[in-house]
Amino acid sequence: MTTPLWELDNGPCPFADKEQWFDSWPALRDNADEYDNDLNVLIWWAWYPPDPTARNGEGDTLTLMMAMPNSERVYPWSAKVSRDEEPEIRAWLQGRLRRLMDWWQIPPAEAGA
């Protein structure tokens, strides 16, 4: 059984400055997909559960940290997400991981290794 993304502890966001919010997961995904994967890399992500004292209020929040070397900075992009969207989000994140590993030329680890 795979652990749901919202149960993984990614720690605090190390790039919290100037966070940009999107209306939904599709809007966040489309914005990230708009940029060239060869030059702009997802380097960190975090799924935060609801926190009534924080910006996400009653819903979960997904934050993506995109490194954009041409801009020489990391952009944190966030959106409220639904736990029903987790399979699609997981597949998208895995695609970005494969791209990052290709970029670094690291073969993926074998499952269970």
C-alpha atoms as a PDB file:
ATOM      1  CA  MET A   1       0.000   0.000   0.000  1.00  0.00           C
ATOM      2  CA  THR A   2       1.331   3.391  -0.947  1.00  0.00           C
ATOM      3  CA  THR A   3       1.283   6.133   1.678  1.00  0.00           C
ATOM      4  CA  PRO A   4      -1.042   8.988   0.644  1.00  0.00           C
ATOM      5  CA  LEU A   5       0.837  12.155  -0.260  1.00  0.00           C
ATOM      6  CA  TRP A   6      -0.832  14.139   2.523  1.00  0.00           C
ATOM      7  CA  GLU A   7       0.622  11.768   5.131  1.00  0.00           C
ATOM      8  CA  LEU A   8       4.243  12.226   4.041  1.00  0.00           C
ATOM      9  CA  ASP A   9       6.288  14.644   6.132  1.00  0.00           C
ATOM     10  CA  ASN A  10       8.234  16.909   3.802  1.00  0.00           C
ATOM     11  CA  GLY A  11       9.200  19.302   6.588  1.00  0.00           C
ATOM     12  CA  PRO A  12       8.759  23.040   6.381  1.00  0.00           C
ATOM     13  CA  CYS A  13       8.885  24.779   3.049  1.00  0.00           C
ATOM     14  CA  PRO A  14      12.435  26.114   2.611  1.00  0.00           C
ATOM     15  CA  PHE A  15      11.330  28.578  -0.080  1.00  0.00           C
ATOM     16  CA  ALA A  16       8.357  30.357   1.449  1.00  0.00           C
ATOM     17  CA  ASP A  17       8.955  33.832   0.016  1.00  0.00           C
ATOM     18  CA  LYS A  18       6.534  35.311  -2.511  1.00  0.00           C
ATOM     19  CA  GLU A  19       4.267  32.298  -2.780  1.00  0.00           C
ATOM     20  CA  GLN A  20       1.872  32.414  -5.729  1.00  0.00           C
ATOM     21  CA  TRP A  21      -1.610  30.946  -5.279  1.00  0.00           C
ATOM     22  CA  PHE A  22      -3.710  29.231  -7.912  1.00  0.00           C
ATOM     23  CA  ASP A  23      -7.442  28.516  -7.827  1.00  0.00           C
ATOM     24  CA  SER A  24      -7.143  24.751  -8.244  1.00  0.00           C
ATOM     25  CA  TRP A  25      -4.872  21.806  -8.935  1.00  0.00           C
ATOM     26  CA  PRO A  26      -5.579  22.007 -12.701  1.00  0.00           C
ATOM     27  CA  ALA A  27      -4.591  25.701 -12.719  1.00  0.00           C
ATOM     28  CA  LEU A  28      -1.404  24.957 -10.761  1.00  0.00           C
ATOM     29  CA  ARG A  29      -0.523  21.990 -12.987  1.00  0.00           C
ATOM     30  CA  ASP A  30      -1.203  23.942 -16.180  1.00  0.00           C
ATOM     31  CA  ASN A  31       0.990  26.810 -14.982  1.00  0.00           C
ATOM     32  CA  ALA A  32       3.856  24.427 -14.168  1.00  0.00           C
ATOM     33  CA  ASP A  33       3.430  22.602 -17.491  1.00  0.00           C
ATOM     34  CA  GLU A  34       3.595  25.889 -19.378  1.00  0.00           C
ATOM     35  CA  TYR A  35       7.332  26.170 -18.687  1.00  0.00           C
ATOM     36  CA  ASP A  36      10.111  24.252 -20.432  1.00  0.00           C
ATOM     37  CA  ASN A  37      10.875  21.042 -18.478  1.00  0.00           C
ATOM     38  CA  ASP A  38      14.478  21.086 -19.680  1.00  0.00           C
ATOM     39  CA  LEU A  39      15.197  24.368 -17.949  1.00  0.00           C
ATOM     40  CA  ASN A  40      12.689  24.510 -15.100  1.00  0.00           C
ATOM     41  CA  VAL A  41      12.715  21.743 -12.532  1.00  0.00           C
ATOM     42  CA  LEU A  42      10.401  20.802  -9.684  1.00  0.00           C
ATOM     43  CA  ILE A  43      12.840  20.510  -6.769  1.00  0.00           C
ATOM     44  CA  TRP A  44      10.472  20.217  -3.813  1.00  0.00           C
ATOM     45  CA  TRP A  45       6.823  19.663  -3.133  1.00  0.00           C
ATOM     46  CA  ALA A  46       4.721  19.564   0.010  1.00  0.00           C
ATOM     47  CA  TRP A  47       1.137  18.544   0.712  1.00  0.00           C
ATOM     48  CA  TYR A  48      -0.234  20.325   3.755  1.00  0.00           C
ATOM     49  CA  PRO A  49      -3.383  19.137   5.547  1.00  0.00           C
ATOM     50  CA  PRO A  50      -6.092  21.643   6.518  1.00  0.00           C
ATOM     51  CA  ASP A  51      -5.016  24.290   9.015  1.00  0.00           C
ATOM     52  CA  PRO A  52      -7.737  26.746  10.073  1.00  0.00           C
ATOM     53  CA  THR A  53      -5.057  29.214  11.233  1.00  0.00           C
ATOM     54  CA  ALA A  54      -3.186  29.205   7.905  1.00  0.00           C
ATOM     55  CA  ARG A  55      -3.980  30.372   4.410  1.00  0.00           C
ATOM     56  CA  ASN A  56      -5.320  26.993   3.319  1.00  0.00           C
ATOM     57  CA  GLY A  57      -8.068  27.161   5.962  1.00  0.00           C
ATOM     58  CA  GLU A  58     -10.372  24.188   5.544  1.00  0.00           C
ATOM     59  CA  GLY A  59      -8.710  22.495   2.575  1.00  0.00           C
ATOM     60  CA  ASP A  60      -5.462  20.698   1.831  1.00  0.00           C
ATOM     61  CA  THR A  61      -2.732  22.645   0.037  1.00  0.00           C
ATOM     62  CA  LEU A  62      -0.169  21.442  -2.474  1.00  0.00           C
ATOM     63  CA  THR A  63       2.944  23.581  -2.879  1.00  0.00           C
ATOM     64  CA  LEU A  64       5.415  23.093  -5.718  1.00  0.00           C
ATOM     65  CA  MET A  65       8.857  24.697  -5.654  1.00  0.00           C
ATOM     66  CA  MET A  66      10.050  25.237  -9.212  1.00  0.00           C
ATOM     67  CA  ALA A  67      13.708  26.074  -9.828  1.00  0.00           C
ATOM     68  CA  MET A  68      14.020  28.342 -12.816  1.00  0.00           C
ATOM     69  CA  PRO A  69      17.707  28.801 -13.584  1.00  0.00           C
ATOM     70  CA  ASN A  70      17.007  31.491 -16.168  1.00  0.00           C
ATOM     71  CA  SER A  71      15.405  33.527 -13.380  1.00  0.00           C
ATOM     72  CA  GLU A  72      17.984  32.455 -10.775  1.00  0.00           C
ATOM     73  CA  ARG A  73      15.349  31.732  -8.167  1.00  0.00           C
ATOM     74  CA  VAL A  74      12.852  29.209  -6.885  1.00  0.00           C
ATOM     75  CA  TYR A  75       9.167  29.904  -7.300  1.00  0.00           C
ATOM     76  CA  PRO A  76       6.726  28.460  -4.737  1.00  0.00           C
ATOM     77  CA  TRP A  77       3.326  27.870  -6.304  1.00  0.00           C
ATOM     78  CA  SER A  78       0.383  26.651  -4.222  1.00  0.00           C
ATOM     79  CA  ALA A  79      -3.236  25.635  -4.649  1.00  0.00           C
ATOM     80  CA  LYS A  80      -5.959  24.064  -2.589  1.00  0.00           C
ATOM     81  CA  VAL A  81      -6.298  20.422  -3.553  1.00  0.00           C
ATOM     82  CA  SER A  82      -8.693  17.595  -2.882  1.00  0.00           C
ATOM     83  CA  ARG A  83      -7.608  14.204  -1.630  1.00  0.00           C
ATOM     84  CA  ASP A  84      -9.618  12.746  -4.524  1.00  0.00           C
ATOM     85  CA  GLU A  85      -7.047  14.373  -6.847  1.00  0.00           C
ATOM     86  CA  GLU A  86      -4.162  12.486  -5.203  1.00  0.00           C
ATOM     87  CA  PRO A  87      -3.760   9.789  -7.910  1.00  0.00           C
ATOM     88  CA  GLU A  88      -3.479  12.404 -10.663  1.00  0.00           C
ATOM     89  CA  ILE A  89      -1.131  14.572  -8.581  1.00  0.00           C
ATOM     90  CA  ARG A  90       1.045  11.554  -7.726  1.00  0.00           C
ATOM     91  CA  ALA A  91       1.318  10.596 -11.411  1.00  0.00           C
ATOM     92  CA  TRP A  92       2.241  14.180 -12.327  1.00  0.00           C
ATOM     93  CA  LEU A  93       4.890  14.315  -9.574  1.00  0.00           C
ATOM     94  CA  GLN A  94       6.336  10.985 -10.740  1.00  0.00           C
ATOM     95  CA  GLY A  95       6.630  12.366 -14.266  1.00  0.00           C
ATOM     96  CA  ARG A  96       8.514  15.368 -12.915  1.00  0.00           C
ATOM     97  CA  LEU A  97      10.764  13.061 -10.868  1.00  0.00           C
ATOM     98  CA  ARG A  98      11.619  11.073 -13.984  1.00  0.00           C
ATOM     99  CA  ARG A  99      12.529  14.330 -15.735  1.00  0.00           C
ATOM    100  CA  LEU A 100      14.740  15.387 -12.823  1.00  0.00           C
ATOM    101  CA  MET A 101      16.475  12.002 -12.784  1.00  0.00           C
ATOM    102  CA  ASP A 102      17.038  12.202 -16.539  1.00  0.00           C
ATOM    103  CA  TRP A 103      18.512  15.642 -16.047  1.00  0.00           C
ATOM    104  CA  TRP A 104      20.910  14.320 -13.402  1.00  0.00           C
ATOM    105  CA  GLN A 105      21.406  11.106 -15.385  1.00  0.00           C
ATOM    106  CA  ILE A 106      20.620   8.927 -12.372  1.00  0.00           C
ATOM    107  CA  PRO A 107      18.927   5.581 -13.025  1.00  0.00           C
ATOM    108  CA  PRO A 108      15.826   5.014 -10.881  1.00  0.00           C
ATOM    109  CA  ALA A 109      16.192   2.755  -7.843  1.00  0.00           C
ATOM    110  CA  GLU A 110      14.541  -0.614  -8.067  1.00  0.00           C
ATOM    111  CA  ALA A 111      11.294  -0.891  -6.111  1.00  0.00           C
ATOM    112  CA  GLY A 112      11.905  -2.467  -2.725  1.00  0.00           C
ATOM    113  CA  ALA A 113      15.673  -1.909  -2.896  1.00  0.00           C
END
